[in-house]
C-alpha atoms as a PDB file:
ATOM      1  CA  MET A   1       9.702   5.049  -4.687  1.00  0.00           C
ATOM      2  CA  SER A   2       9.889   2.624  -2.311  1.00  0.00           C
ATOM      3  CA  VAL A   3       7.064   1.019  -1.605  1.00  0.00           C
ATOM      4  CA  LYS A   4       6.200  -2.046   1.288  1.00  0.00           C
ATOM      5  CA  VAL A   5       3.582  -3.555   1.559  1.00  0.00           C
ATOM      6  CA  TYR A   6       2.399  -6.165   4.309  1.00  0.00           C
ATOM      7  CA  GLY A   7      -0.096  -8.583   3.712  1.00  0.00           C
ATOM      8  CA  PHE A   8      -1.601 -12.001   2.596  1.00  0.00           C
ATOM      9  CA  THR A   9      -2.857 -11.795  -1.143  1.00  0.00           C
ATOM     10  CA  HIS A  10      -5.987 -14.088  -0.140  1.00  0.00           C
ATOM     11  CA  SER A  11      -7.135 -10.203   1.898  1.00  0.00           C
ATOM     12  CA  PRO A  12      -9.526  -7.992  -0.227  1.00  0.00           C
ATOM     13  CA  TRP A  13      -7.631  -5.438   1.285  1.00  0.00           C
ATOM     14  CA  VAL A  14      -4.333  -6.516   0.575  1.00  0.00           C
ATOM     15  CA  GLN A  15      -5.474  -7.290  -3.346  1.00  0.00           C
ATOM     16  CA  ALA A  16      -6.925  -3.842  -4.208  1.00  0.00           C
ATOM     17  CA  VAL A  17      -4.008  -2.405  -2.793  1.00  0.00           C
ATOM     18  CA  LEU A  18      -1.901  -4.307  -4.841  1.00  0.00           C
ATOM     19  CA  LEU A  19      -4.176  -3.906  -7.408  1.00  0.00           C
ATOM     20  CA  ALA A  20      -4.163  -0.170  -7.164  1.00  0.00           C
ATOM     21  CA  LEU A  21      -0.138  -0.130  -7.393  1.00  0.00           C
ATOM     22  CA  TYR A  22      -0.371  -2.423 -11.003  1.00  0.00           C
ATOM     23  CA  ASP A  23      -2.193   0.316 -11.912  1.00  0.00           C
ATOM     24  CA  LYS A  24      -0.375   2.923 -10.991  1.00  0.00           C
ATOM     25  CA  GLU A  25       2.946   0.754 -12.392  1.00  0.00           C
ATOM     26  CA  LEU A  26       4.119   0.923  -8.883  1.00  0.00           C
ATOM     27  CA  GLU A  27       6.740  -1.318  -8.023  1.00  0.00           C
ATOM     28  CA  TYR A  28       6.503  -2.951  -4.424  1.00  0.00           C
ATOM     29  CA  ASP A  29       7.940  -5.811  -2.081  1.00  0.00           C
ATOM     30  CA  LEU A  30       5.370  -7.551  -0.525  1.00  0.00           C
ATOM     31  CA  HIS A  31       6.351  -9.045   2.654  1.00  0.00           C
ATOM     32  CA  ILE A  32       3.892 -12.003   4.302  1.00  0.00           C
ATOM     33  CA  ARG A  33       5.506 -11.599   8.322  1.00  0.00           C
ATOM     34  CA  PRO A  34       4.594  -8.270   9.764  1.00  0.00           C
ATOM     35  CA  PRO A  35       7.626  -5.662  10.297  1.00  0.00           C
ATOM     36  CA  TYR A  36       8.481  -5.723  13.861  1.00  0.00           C
ATOM     37  CA  ASP A  37       6.821  -2.025  14.219  1.00  0.00           C
ATOM     38  CA  VAL A  38       3.946  -2.604  12.476  1.00  0.00           C
ATOM     39  CA  PHE A  39       3.311  -5.562  14.479  1.00  0.00           C
ATOM     40  CA  LYS A  40       4.430  -4.012  17.725  1.00  0.00           C
ATOM     41  CA  LYS A  41       1.653  -1.325  17.047  1.00  0.00           C
ATOM     42  CA  TRP A  42      -0.743  -3.453  15.351  1.00  0.00           C
ATOM     43  CA  GLY A  43      -0.560  -7.084  15.198  1.00  0.00           C
ATOM     44  CA  VAL A  44      -0.833  -8.948  12.376  1.00  0.00           C
ATOM     45  CA  TYR A  45      -3.818  -6.177  11.321  1.00  0.00           C
ATOM     46  CA  MET A  46      -3.030  -5.821   7.456  1.00  0.00           C
ATOM     47  CA  PRO A  47      -2.380  -4.151   4.450  1.00  0.00           C
ATOM     48  CA  ALA A  48       0.171  -2.794   5.679  1.00  0.00           C
ATOM     49  CA  VAL A  49       1.884   0.512   3.538  1.00  0.00           C
ATOM     50  CA  SER A  50       4.842   2.051   4.122  1.00  0.00           C
ATOM     51  CA  LEU A  51       6.121   4.768   1.296  1.00  0.00           C
ATOM     52  CA  ASP A  52       9.751   5.956   1.227  1.00  0.00           C
ATOM     53  CA  ASP A  53      10.824   4.028   4.426  1.00  0.00           C
ATOM     54  CA  GLY A  54       8.182   6.504   5.922  1.00  0.00           C
ATOM     55  CA  PRO A  55       5.695   5.562   8.636  1.00  0.00           C
ATOM     56  CA  TRP A  56       3.681   2.258   7.855  1.00  0.00           C
ATOM     57  CA  GLU A  57      -0.311   3.243   7.598  1.00  0.00           C
ATOM     58  CA  ILE A  58      -2.829   0.477   7.968  1.00  0.00           C
ATOM     59  CA  GLU A  59      -6.463   2.345   6.938  1.00  0.00           C
ATOM     60  CA  SER A  60      -6.387   1.059   3.128  1.00  0.00           C
ATOM     61  CA  THR A  61      -8.878   3.527   1.745  1.00  0.00           C
ATOM     62  CA  GLN A  62      -6.856   5.976   2.701  1.00  0.00           C
ATOM     63  CA  ILE A  63      -3.673   3.966   1.109  1.00  0.00           C
ATOM     64  CA  LEU A  64      -5.497   4.088  -1.551  1.00  0.00           C
ATOM     65  CA  THR A  65      -6.828   7.018  -1.704  1.00  0.00           C
ATOM     66  CA  LYS A  66      -2.949   8.686  -0.860  1.00  0.00           C
ATOM     67  CA  PHE A  67      -2.084   6.227  -4.597  1.00  0.00           C
ATOM     68  CA  CYS A  68      -5.191   8.154  -6.643  1.00  0.00           C
ATOM     69  CA  LEU A  69      -3.710  11.610  -5.425  1.00  0.00           C
ATOM     70  CA  LEU A  70      -0.270  11.282  -5.817  1.00  0.00           C
ATOM     71  CA  TYR A  71      -0.029   9.525  -9.035  1.00  0.00           C
ATOM     72  CA  THR A  72      -3.609  10.985 -11.040  1.00  0.00           C
ATOM     73  CA  SER A  73      -1.987  11.864 -14.626  1.00  0.00           C
ATOM     74  CA  PRO A  74      -3.242  15.189 -15.616  1.00  0.00           C
ATOM     75  CA  SER A  75      -6.691  14.685 -17.778  1.00  0.00           C
ATOM     76  CA  PRO A  76      -5.647  15.242 -21.349  1.00  0.00           C
ATOM     77  CA  ARG A  77      -7.686  18.105 -22.791  1.00  0.00           C
ATOM     78  CA  ASP A  78      -9.148  18.242 -26.076  1.00  0.00           C
END
């Protein structure tokens, strides 16, 4: 999986996304300049995330939910 993240690490929302990626052990590329498509559509709004070169998403709560849903391992059974 290819994960691209745009944002500055001083942003708490960017930090939340980066922590979720770390927790799920997903590698990512962090960009400090917005990709042209992101800048053209939203300006310097961050974070922005693209999964597998798909469309960029900017709503951090939806991004975090997607990571949790896509990469949650099943609970072990007793």
